[in-house]
C-alpha atoms as a PDB file:
ATOM      1  CA  MET A   1      76.192   8.422-102.948  1.00  0.00           C
ATOM      2  CA  ASP A   2      77.056   6.085-100.320  1.00  0.00           C
ATOM      3  CA  THR A   3      75.072   3.064-101.920  1.00  0.00           C
ATOM      4  CA  LYS A   4      77.296   4.031-104.905  1.00  0.00           C
ATOM      5  CA  HIS A   5      80.424   4.231-103.276  1.00  0.00           C
ATOM      6  CA  SER A   6      79.807   0.668-101.375  1.00  0.00           C
ATOM      7  CA  ARG A   7      79.563  -0.681-105.184  1.00  0.00           C
ATOM      8  CA  LEU A   8      82.751   0.969-106.529  1.00  0.00           C
ATOM      9  CA  SER A   9      84.675  -0.277-103.548  1.00  0.00           C
ATOM     10  CA  VAL A  10      83.397  -3.830-104.610  1.00  0.00           C
ATOM     11  CA  TRP A  11      84.010  -3.446-108.222  1.00  0.00           C
ATOM     12  CA  ALA A  12      87.532  -1.886-107.144  1.00  0.00           C
ATOM     13  CA  LEU A  13      88.847  -4.955-105.335  1.00  0.00           C
ATOM     14  CA  ALA A  14      87.145  -7.272-107.821  1.00  0.00           C
ATOM     15  CA  LEU A  15      89.698  -5.160-110.700  1.00  0.00           C
ATOM     16  CA  LEU A  16      92.430  -5.394-108.453  1.00  0.00           C
ATOM     17  CA  THR A  17      92.144  -9.410-107.536  1.00  0.00           C
ATOM     18  CA  CYS A  18      91.867  -9.552-111.231  1.00  0.00           C
ATOM     19  CA  PHE A  19      95.303  -7.212-112.061  1.00  0.00           C
ATOM     20  CA  ALA A  20      96.835  -9.378-109.251  1.00  0.00           C
ATOM     21  CA  LEU A  21      96.152 -12.801-111.208  1.00  0.00           C
ATOM     22  CA  LEU A  22      96.354 -12.088-114.769  1.00  0.00           C
ATOM     23  CA  ALA A  23      98.908  -9.058-115.118  1.00  0.00           C
ATOM     24  CA  PRO A  24     101.853 -10.531-117.538  1.00  0.00           C
ATOM     25  CA  GLN A  25     104.271  -9.701-115.411  1.00  0.00           C
ATOM     26  CA  SER A  26     102.838 -10.026-111.503  1.00  0.00           C
ATOM     27  CA  ALA A  27     104.478 -11.427-109.094  1.00  0.00           C
ATOM     28  CA  PHE A  28     101.070 -13.201-108.244  1.00  0.00           C
ATOM     29  CA  ALA A  29     100.937 -15.059-111.391  1.00  0.00           C
ATOM     30  CA  MET A  30      98.260 -17.850-112.242  1.00  0.00           C
ATOM     31  CA  ASP A  31      99.526 -21.055-111.781  1.00  0.00           C
ATOM     32  CA  LYS A  32      96.665 -23.506-112.832  1.00  0.00           C
ATOM     33  CA  GLN A  33      98.467 -26.771-110.831  1.00  0.00           C
ATOM     34  CA  LYS A  34      98.006 -25.266-107.562  1.00  0.00           C
ATOM     35  CA  PRO A  35      94.781 -24.815-105.485  1.00  0.00           C
ATOM     36  CA  ARG A  36      93.769 -21.345-105.396  1.00  0.00           C
ATOM     37  CA  VAL A  37      90.809 -19.262-104.302  1.00  0.00           C
ATOM     38  CA  GLU A  38      89.570 -15.556-105.508  1.00  0.00           C
ATOM     39  CA  GLY A  39      86.711 -13.532-104.937  1.00  0.00           C
ATOM     40  CA  ALA A  40      85.121 -10.174-103.232  1.00  0.00           C
ATOM     41  CA  GLY A  41      81.848  -9.648-101.917  1.00  0.00           C
ATOM     42  CA  TRP A  42      79.853  -8.537 -98.680  1.00  0.00           C
ATOM     43  CA  ILE A  43      77.829 -10.081 -96.317  1.00  0.00           C
ATOM     44  CA  CYS A  44      75.204  -8.455 -94.341  1.00  0.00           C
ATOM     45  CA  LYS A  45      75.934  -7.423 -90.342  1.00  0.00           C
ATOM     46  CA  PRO A  46      72.831  -6.988 -88.569  1.00  0.00           C
ATOM     47  CA  ASP A  47      72.582  -3.199 -86.906  1.00  0.00           C
ATOM     48  CA  PHE A  48      70.492  -0.461 -85.724  1.00  0.00           C
ATOM     49  CA  SER A  49      69.462   0.221 -89.764  1.00  0.00           C
ATOM     50  CA  GLY A  50      69.096  -3.145 -91.044  1.00  0.00           C
ATOM     51  CA  CYS A  51      71.760  -4.739 -92.610  1.00  0.00           C
ATOM     52  CA  GLY A  52      75.311  -2.967 -92.119  1.00  0.00           C
ATOM     53  CA  GLU A  53      77.789  -3.846 -95.043  1.00  0.00           C
ATOM     54  CA  VAL A  54      80.942  -6.122 -93.990  1.00  0.00           C
ATOM     55  CA  LYS A  55      82.945  -6.473 -97.533  1.00  0.00           C
ATOM     56  CA  PHE A  56      86.141  -8.416 -98.252  1.00  0.00           C
ATOM     57  CA  GLY A  57      88.283  -9.506-100.804  1.00  0.00           C
ATOM     58  CA  ILE A  58      90.761 -12.493-101.533  1.00  0.00           C
ATOM     59  CA  THR A  59      93.084 -13.729-103.597  1.00  0.00           C
ATOM     60  CA  GLY A  60      95.041 -16.596-102.307  1.00  0.00           C
ATOM     61  CA  LYS A  61      97.249 -19.556-103.696  1.00  0.00           C
ATOM     62  CA  LEU A  62      99.978 -21.960-103.077  1.00  0.00           C
ATOM     63  CA  ASN A  63     103.514 -20.827-104.149  1.00  0.00           C
ATOM     64  CA  LYS A  64     106.118 -23.574-106.087  1.00  0.00           C
ATOM     65  CA  SER A  65     107.032 -24.747-102.334  1.00  0.00           C
ATOM     66  CA  ASN A  66     103.763 -25.333-101.129  1.00  0.00           C
ATOM     67  CA  LEU A  67     102.950 -22.075 -98.960  1.00  0.00           C
ATOM     68  CA  ALA A  68     100.617 -19.973 -98.581  1.00  0.00           C
ATOM     69  CA  ASP A  69     100.603 -16.872-100.976  1.00  0.00           C
ATOM     70  CA  GLY A  70      98.139 -13.952-101.342  1.00  0.00           C
ATOM     71  CA  ARG A  71      96.127 -10.591 -99.935  1.00  0.00           C
ATOM     72  CA  PHE A  72      92.727 -10.070 -97.873  1.00  0.00           C
ATOM     73  CA  GLU A  73      90.637  -7.011 -97.686  1.00  0.00           C
ATOM     74  CA  TYR A  74      88.627  -6.408 -94.878  1.00  0.00           C
ATOM     75  CA  MET A  75      86.053  -3.301 -94.645  1.00  0.00           C
ATOM     76  CA  ASN A  76      83.204  -2.887 -92.223  1.00  0.00           C
ATOM     77  CA  LYS A  77      80.998  -0.269 -92.896  1.00  0.00           C
ATOM     78  CA  ILE A  78      79.701   0.265 -89.682  1.00  0.00           C
ATOM     79  CA  ASN A  79      82.375   0.951 -87.679  1.00  0.00           C
ATOM     80  CA  LYS A  80      84.953   2.104 -90.469  1.00  0.00           C
ATOM     81  CA  TYR A  81      87.312  -0.669 -90.193  1.00  0.00           C
ATOM     82  CA  ASN A  82      89.019  -1.347 -93.167  1.00  0.00           C
ATOM     83  CA  VAL A  83      92.207  -3.453 -92.616  1.00  0.00           C
ATOM     84  CA  HIS A  84      94.460  -5.319 -95.503  1.00  0.00           C
ATOM     85  CA  GLY A  85      97.296  -8.182 -95.111  1.00  0.00           C
ATOM     86  CA  LYS A  86      98.667 -11.178 -95.974  1.00  0.00           C
ATOM     87  CA  ILE A  87      97.101 -14.914 -96.369  1.00  0.00           C
ATOM     88  CA  THR A  88      99.168 -17.037 -94.530  1.00  0.00           C
ATOM     89  CA  SER A  89      97.133 -19.826 -94.720  1.00  0.00           C
ATOM     90  CA  LEU A  90      95.118 -21.763 -97.071  1.00  0.00           C
ATOM     91  CA  VAL A  91      93.536 -25.061 -97.236  1.00  0.00           C
ATOM     92  CA  VAL A  92      91.419 -25.928-100.701  1.00  0.00           C
ATOM     93  CA  ASN A  93      88.837 -28.996-100.216  1.00  0.00           C
ATOM     94  CA  PRO A  94      87.408 -29.573-103.482  1.00  0.00           C
ATOM     95  CA  ASN A  95      84.933 -32.738-102.602  1.00  0.00           C
ATOM     96  CA  PRO A  96      83.636 -31.825 -99.126  1.00  0.00           C
ATOM     97  CA  SER A  97      81.009 -34.049 -97.253  1.00  0.00           C
ATOM     98  CA  ALA A  98      78.489 -33.033 -94.765  1.00  0.00           C
ATOM     99  CA  SER A  99      80.646 -34.391 -91.649  1.00  0.00           C
ATOM    100  CA  PRO A 100      81.203 -32.624 -88.416  1.00  0.00           C
ATOM    101  CA  SER A 101      84.520 -31.309 -89.079  1.00  0.00           C
ATOM    102  CA  HIS A 102      83.198 -29.142 -91.957  1.00  0.00           C
ATOM    103  CA  PRO A 103      84.158 -25.311 -91.002  1.00  0.00           C
ATOM    104  CA  CYS A 104      80.543 -24.257 -92.261  1.00  0.00           C
ATOM    105  CA  MET A 105      78.607 -26.731 -90.308  1.00  0.00           C
ATOM    106  CA  ALA A 106      77.539 -24.097 -87.615  1.00  0.00           C
ATOM    107  CA  ALA A 107      75.546 -22.000 -90.554  1.00  0.00           C
ATOM    108  CA  VAL A 108      73.822 -25.386 -90.967  1.00  0.00           C
ATOM    109  CA  VAL A 109      70.127 -26.071 -90.037  1.00  0.00           C
ATOM    110  CA  PHE A 110      69.143 -29.470 -90.647  1.00  0.00           C
ATOM    111  CA  VAL A 111      65.296 -30.669 -90.088  1.00  0.00           C
ATOM    112  CA  GLY A 112      64.759 -34.502 -89.973  1.00  0.00           C
ATOM    113  CA  GLY A 113      68.275 -35.663 -91.437  1.00  0.00           C
ATOM    114  CA  THR A 114      67.603 -32.952 -94.130  1.00  0.00           C
ATOM    115  CA  GLN A 115      69.401 -29.453 -94.760  1.00  0.00           C
ATOM    116  CA  VAL A 116      66.804 -27.017 -94.988  1.00  0.00           C
ATOM    117  CA  SER A 117      69.302 -23.920 -94.735  1.00  0.00           C
ATOM    118  CA  GLY A 118      73.021 -22.933 -94.960  1.00  0.00           C
ATOM    119  CA  PRO A 119      75.947 -23.598 -97.773  1.00  0.00           C
ATOM    120  CA  PRO A 120      75.757 -26.708 -99.315  1.00  0.00           C
ATOM    121  CA  LEU A 121      78.393 -28.670 -97.760  1.00  0.00           C
ATOM    122  CA  ASP A 122      79.168 -30.554-100.837  1.00  0.00           C
ATOM    123  CA  ALA A 123      80.342 -27.531-102.567  1.00  0.00           C
ATOM    124  CA  PRO A 124      84.277 -26.576-102.771  1.00  0.00           C
ATOM    125  CA  TYR A 125      85.716 -24.432-100.392  1.00  0.00           C
ATOM    126  CA  ALA A 126      88.716 -22.460 -99.098  1.00  0.00           C
ATOM    127  CA  LYS A 127      89.549 -22.089 -95.847  1.00  0.00           C
ATOM    128  CA  VAL A 128      92.037 -18.952 -95.567  1.00  0.00           C
ATOM    129  CA  SER A 129      94.250 -17.292 -92.667  1.00  0.00           C
ATOM    130  CA  GLY A 130      95.952 -14.355 -92.640  1.00  0.00           C
ATOM    131  CA  THR A 131      97.366 -11.076 -90.762  1.00  0.00           C
ATOM    132  CA  CYS A 132      97.363  -7.434 -91.106  1.00  0.00           C
ATOM    133  CA  ASP A 133     100.172  -6.169 -92.960  1.00  0.00           C
ATOM    134  CA  ASP A 134     100.643  -3.555 -89.602  1.00  0.00           C
ATOM    135  CA  GLY A 135     100.442  -6.544 -87.088  1.00  0.00           C
ATOM    136  CA  THR A 136      97.297  -5.653 -85.912  1.00  0.00           C
ATOM    137  CA  CYS A 137      94.377  -7.918 -86.708  1.00  0.00           C
ATOM    138  CA  THR A 138      94.101 -11.815 -87.611  1.00  0.00           C
ATOM    139  CA  PHE A 139      91.651 -12.682 -90.101  1.00  0.00           C
ATOM    140  CA  ASP A 140      89.920 -16.295 -90.714  1.00  0.00           C
ATOM    141  CA  ALA A 141      87.428 -17.630 -93.035  1.00  0.00           C
ATOM    142  CA  THR A 142      85.860 -20.384 -95.182  1.00  0.00           C
ATOM    143  CA  VAL A 143      84.431 -19.196 -98.473  1.00  0.00           C
ATOM    144  CA  VAL A 144      81.947 -21.774-100.253  1.00  0.00           C
ATOM    145  CA  ASP A 145      81.920 -21.905-104.278  1.00  0.00           C
ATOM    146  CA  ASP A 146      78.346 -22.916-104.697  1.00  0.00           C
ATOM    147  CA  ASP A 147      78.196 -23.681-108.555  1.00  0.00           C
ATOM    148  CA  SER A 148      74.818 -25.420-108.334  1.00  0.00           C
ATOM    149  CA  GLY A 149      72.088 -24.443-110.330  1.00  0.00           C
ATOM    150  CA  GLY A 150      69.747 -21.832-110.123  1.00  0.00           C
ATOM    151  CA  HIS A 151      72.822 -19.442-109.290  1.00  0.00           C
ATOM    152  CA  PRO A 152      72.604 -19.299-105.492  1.00  0.00           C
ATOM    153  CA  PRO A 153      74.804 -17.335-103.536  1.00  0.00           C
ATOM    154  CA  ASP A 154      78.248 -18.103-102.530  1.00  0.00           C
ATOM    155  CA  TRP A 155      78.517 -18.792 -98.655  1.00  0.00           C
ATOM    156  CA  VAL A 156      81.382 -17.053 -96.070  1.00  0.00           C
ATOM    157  CA  CYS A 157      81.199 -19.443 -92.773  1.00  0.00           C
ATOM    158  CA  ASP A 158      83.172 -19.262 -89.652  1.00  0.00           C
ATOM    159  CA  LEU A 159      84.382 -15.610 -90.389  1.00  0.00           C
ATOM    160  CA  HIS A 160      86.704 -13.996 -87.756  1.00  0.00           C
ATOM    161  CA  MET A 161      88.191 -10.808 -87.950  1.00  0.00           C
ATOM    162  CA  HIS A 162      90.058  -9.746 -84.370  1.00  0.00           C
ATOM    163  CA  GLY A 163      91.875  -6.652 -84.450  1.00  0.00           C
ATOM    164  CA  THR A 164      92.721  -2.957 -83.176  1.00  0.00           C
ATOM    165  CA  ASP A 165      92.093   0.259 -85.582  1.00  0.00           C
ATOM    166  CA  LYS A 166      94.843   3.341 -84.958  1.00  0.00           C
ATOM    167  CA  LYS A 167      92.770   5.094 -82.357  1.00  0.00           C
ATOM    168  CA  GLY A 168      93.470   1.474 -80.013  1.00  0.00           C
ATOM    169  CA  ASN A 169      89.693   0.539 -80.681  1.00  0.00           C
ATOM    170  CA  SER A 170      89.062  -2.874 -80.695  1.00  0.00           C
ATOM    171  CA  GLU A 171      87.494  -5.265 -84.156  1.00  0.00           C
ATOM    172  CA  VAL A 172      86.074  -8.190 -82.641  1.00  0.00           C
ATOM    173  CA  TYR A 173      83.538  -9.917 -85.479  1.00  0.00           C
ATOM    174  CA  ASP A 174      82.650 -13.750 -85.655  1.00  0.00           C
ATOM    175  CA  ASP A 175      80.253 -15.029 -87.873  1.00  0.00           C
ATOM    176  CA  PRO A 176      79.165 -18.751 -88.043  1.00  0.00           C
ATOM    177  CA  GLY A 177      78.083 -18.497 -91.673  1.00  0.00           C
ATOM    178  CA  GLN A 178      75.826 -16.309 -94.256  1.00  0.00           C
ATOM    179  CA  PRO A 179      75.169 -16.197 -98.100  1.00  0.00           C
ATOM    180  CA  LEU A 180      76.930 -13.028 -99.955  1.00  0.00           C
ATOM    181  CA  GLN A 181      74.523 -10.521-100.872  1.00  0.00           C
ATOM    182  CA  HIS A 182      76.862  -9.518-103.290  1.00  0.00           C
ATOM    183  CA  GLY A 183      79.638 -11.133-104.988  1.00  0.00           C
ATOM    184  CA  HIS A 184      81.348 -14.029-105.987  1.00  0.00           C
ATOM    185  CA  PHE A 185      84.313 -16.322-104.866  1.00  0.00           C
ATOM    186  CA  GLU A 186      86.185 -19.110-107.100  1.00  0.00           C
ATOM    187  CA  VAL A 187      87.694 -22.179-105.148  1.00  0.00           C
ATOM    188  CA  HIS A 188      89.873 -23.589-108.194  1.00  0.00           C
ATOM    189  CA  PRO A 189      91.274 -27.389-106.967  1.00  0.00           C
ATOM    190  CA  GLU A 190      95.059 -28.639-107.769  1.00  0.00           C
ATOM    191  CA  ASN A 191      94.822 -29.699-111.284  1.00  0.00           C
ATOM    192  CA  HIS A 192      96.536 -33.095-112.208  1.00  0.00           C
END
C-alpha cells in the first residue's frame, strides 16, 4: 500500500500540473512566448532502509511583467515533511556550457577532463526558488531536462529545502545533485 500511495501521489502532482497549465480559464495559462518549467518526480535520499523518497513538483513561468509565477510541492517520505509554496524566482538556460558557474557542477565527476557521471552540462535547465505559503520554508533547485538519446533520467541539482514543521522541527535538506528515480521535467526557453 505504501508504494501504491507513493505512485498515486506523484501522478496526482503531475495531473495537477497539467490542470494548472492547460485548463481553459486557468490563471496560470501557458504563454509559449515566455520561459517556463513543469514536472514532478522523486529522488533517493539514503536512509536506514536504503532509499527514502523525496518528491517534488514544479510549475513555473515568467508572467507578462517578466516576474516568476508558479508553484512547488515538496514531500519527504522519511520524516513526513510536506509543504507547498510559491515560486519567487525562475531562470531558464536553454544552452548551458560546462563552466565552473554551472549550478550542477558539484554533481559532476570528471576523469582526465572527461565527464564520467552526473547531469549533462549542455542540457537545458531551470533554476527555481520559492517560499512556503505559510512562510516557514525556502526552496531552491535546479532541474535539468535531459532529452538526449537513450532516455536518460532528468536531474535535480543544487537542491536546498530549509524549513520548520508545525511542531517546530527543522527540515534541512541540501543535495548537490541526483537523477530522478521516477518522473520528468520539461524546460522550455523563450520562443522568438
